[in-house]
C-alpha atoms as a PDB file:
ATOM      1  CA  MET A   1     100.491  92.245 123.245  1.00  0.00           C
ATOM      2  CA  LEU A   2     102.953  93.834 120.859  1.00  0.00           C
ATOM      3  CA  ASN A   3     106.489  94.367 122.033  1.00  0.00           C
ATOM      4  CA  LYS A   4     108.681  97.362 121.260  1.00  0.00           C
ATOM      5  CA  GLU A   5     110.169  95.787 118.107  1.00  0.00           C
ATOM      6  CA  GLU A   6     106.719  95.005 116.692  1.00  0.00           C
ATOM      7  CA  ILE A   7     105.649  98.591 117.318  1.00  0.00           C
ATOM      8  CA  LYS A   8     108.758  99.898 115.513  1.00  0.00           C
ATOM      9  CA  LYS A   9     107.966  97.629 112.556  1.00  0.00           C
ATOM     10  CA  ARG A  10     104.413  98.938 112.307  1.00  0.00           C
ATOM     11  CA  ILE A  11     105.549 102.561 112.461  1.00  0.00           C
ATOM     12  CA  ILE A  12     108.229 102.156 109.783  1.00  0.00           C
ATOM     13  CA  ILE A  13     105.964 100.118 107.488  1.00  0.00           C
ATOM     14  CA  LYS A  14     103.222 102.738 107.771  1.00  0.00           C
ATOM     15  CA  LEU A  15     105.530 105.674 107.063  1.00  0.00           C
ATOM     16  CA  VAL A  16     107.165 103.947 104.076  1.00  0.00           C
ATOM     17  CA  ARG A  17     103.794 102.993 102.585  1.00  0.00           C
ATOM     18  CA  TRP A  18     102.535 106.554 103.051  1.00  0.00           C
ATOM     19  CA  LYS A  19     105.780 107.889 101.490  1.00  0.00           C
ATOM     20  CA  LYS A  20     106.492 110.189 104.443  1.00  0.00           C
ATOM     21  CA  TRP A  21     110.104 111.067 103.589  1.00  0.00           C
ATOM     22  CA  GLY A  22     111.880 114.334 104.420  1.00  0.00           C
ATOM     23  CA  ALA A  23     109.522 117.300 104.387  1.00  0.00           C
ATOM     24  CA  SER A  24     106.365 115.156 104.214  1.00  0.00           C
ATOM     25  CA  HIS A  25     105.228 114.751 107.848  1.00  0.00           C
ATOM     26  CA  THR A  26     102.363 113.050 109.638  1.00  0.00           C
ATOM     27  CA  GLU A  27     101.273 113.055 113.272  1.00  0.00           C
ATOM     28  CA  ASN A  28      99.421 109.774 112.861  1.00  0.00           C
ATOM     29  CA  ILE A  29     102.266 107.281 113.382  1.00  0.00           C
ATOM     30  CA  ILE A  30     100.506 105.287 116.091  1.00  0.00           C
ATOM     31  CA  GLY A  31      97.026 105.326 114.548  1.00  0.00           C
ATOM     32  CA  GLY A  32      97.082 101.649 113.541  1.00  0.00           C
ATOM     33  CA  LEU A  33      98.071 100.405 116.970  1.00  0.00           C
ATOM     34  CA  PRO A  34      95.562  98.912 119.390  1.00  0.00           C
ATOM     35  CA  SER A  35      94.190 101.570 121.752  1.00  0.00           C
ATOM     36  CA  HIS A  36      95.911 100.098 124.820  1.00  0.00           C
ATOM     37  CA  LEU A  37      99.327 100.633 123.163  1.00  0.00           C
ATOM     38  CA  LYS A  38      98.882 104.215 121.972  1.00  0.00           C
ATOM     39  CA  GLY A  39     100.181 105.772 125.188  1.00  0.00           C
ATOM     40  CA  SER A  40     102.115 102.795 126.481  1.00  0.00           C
ATOM     41  CA  LYS A  41     105.689 102.756 127.693  1.00  0.00           C
ATOM     42  CA  ALA A  42     106.678 100.327 124.907  1.00  0.00           C
ATOM     43  CA  THR A  43     105.300 102.691 122.243  1.00  0.00           C
ATOM     44  CA  LYS A  44     107.096 105.699 123.719  1.00  0.00           C
ATOM     45  CA  GLN A  45     110.348 103.706 123.890  1.00  0.00           C
ATOM     46  CA  ALA A  46     109.951 102.518 120.285  1.00  0.00           C
ATOM     47  CA  ILE A  47     109.476 106.095 119.051  1.00  0.00           C
ATOM     48  CA  LYS A  48     112.462 107.319 121.110  1.00  0.00           C
ATOM     49  CA  GLU A  49     114.674 104.576 119.678  1.00  0.00           C
ATOM     50  CA  LEU A  50     113.612 105.375 116.109  1.00  0.00           C
ATOM     51  CA  GLU A  51     114.431 109.043 116.790  1.00  0.00           C
ATOM     52  CA  LYS A  52     117.790 108.139 118.390  1.00  0.00           C
ATOM     53  CA  ASP A  53     118.688 105.956 115.386  1.00  0.00           C
ATOM     54  CA  GLN A  54     117.632 108.917 113.215  1.00  0.00           C
ATOM     55  CA  TRP A  55     115.163 106.831 111.239  1.00  0.00           C
ATOM     56  CA  ILE A  56     112.320 109.206 112.040  1.00  0.00           C
ATOM     57  CA  ILE A  57     112.562 112.948 112.359  1.00  0.00           C
ATOM     58  CA  PRO A  58     110.239 114.815 114.747  1.00  0.00           C
ATOM     59  CA  GLU A  59     108.823 118.174 113.691  1.00  0.00           C
ATOM     60  CA  LYS A  60     106.674 120.296 116.004  1.00  0.00           C
ATOM     61  CA  LYS A  61     103.642 121.522 114.070  1.00  0.00           C
ATOM     62  CA  THR A  62     100.409 123.002 115.395  1.00  0.00           C
ATOM     63  CA  GLN A  63     101.081 121.893 118.987  1.00  0.00           C
ATOM     64  CA  GLU A  64     101.597 118.278 117.866  1.00  0.00           C
ATOM     65  CA  ILE A  65     104.724 116.396 116.920  1.00  0.00           C
ATOM     66  CA  HIS A  66     104.727 115.217 113.321  1.00  0.00           C
ATOM     67  CA  TYR A  67     107.172 112.616 112.027  1.00  0.00           C
ATOM     68  CA  SER A  68     108.845 111.805 108.744  1.00  0.00           C
ATOM     69  CA  LEU A  69     111.396 109.248 107.618  1.00  0.00           C
ATOM     70  CA  ASN A  70     114.988 110.414 107.373  1.00  0.00           C
ATOM     71  CA  SER A  71     116.002 110.535 103.694  1.00  0.00           C
ATOM     72  CA  GLU A  72     119.653 110.165 104.704  1.00  0.00           C
ATOM     73  CA  LYS A  73     118.892 106.688 106.130  1.00  0.00           C
ATOM     74  CA  ILE A  74     116.882 105.497 103.118  1.00  0.00           C
ATOM     75  CA  ASP A  75     118.940 102.345 102.481  1.00  0.00           C
ATOM     76  CA  GLU A  76     118.736 101.136 106.093  1.00  0.00           C
ATOM     77  CA  ILE A  77     115.037 101.930 106.367  1.00  0.00           C
ATOM     78  CA  LEU A  78     114.114 100.256 103.073  1.00  0.00           C
ATOM     79  CA  GLN A  79     116.117  97.126 103.985  1.00  0.00           C
ATOM     80  CA  PHE A  80     114.216  96.957 107.277  1.00  0.00           C
ATOM     81  CA  TYR A  81     110.929  97.582 105.441  1.00  0.00           C
ATOM     82  CA  GLU A  82     111.583  94.868 102.856  1.00  0.00           C
ATOM     83  CA  LYS A  83     112.536  92.376 105.544  1.00  0.00           C
ATOM     84  CA  HIS A  84     109.478  93.012 107.710  1.00  0.00           C
ATOM     85  CA  SER A  85     106.729  94.101 105.331  1.00  0.00           C
ATOM     86  CA  LYS A  86     106.524  90.623 103.754  1.00  0.00           C
ATOM     87  CA  LYS A  87     105.590  89.201 107.142  1.00  0.00           C
ATOM     88  CA  THR A  88     102.710  91.654 107.639  1.00  0.00           C
ATOM     89  CA  LYS A  89     100.966  91.196 104.275  1.00  0.00           C
END
């Protein structure tokens, strides 16, 4: 089972690869997770922490919350991405 840190890694890697920065949003940030994790406490905590750290920005669109990466945190996010994306290839 994936822990909270692994879930955060997957979310950030997905958003960076999809180039979801600033005004480019997606609601599908948990789509690649196993079905048992999609509504789990660990997933909700991971998303809350990414929001608190201001790495992802929530945007309410069409009754769903869409997310994008914070362009003001680009250096931190890309360092994290570079460190962890090599392990997932």
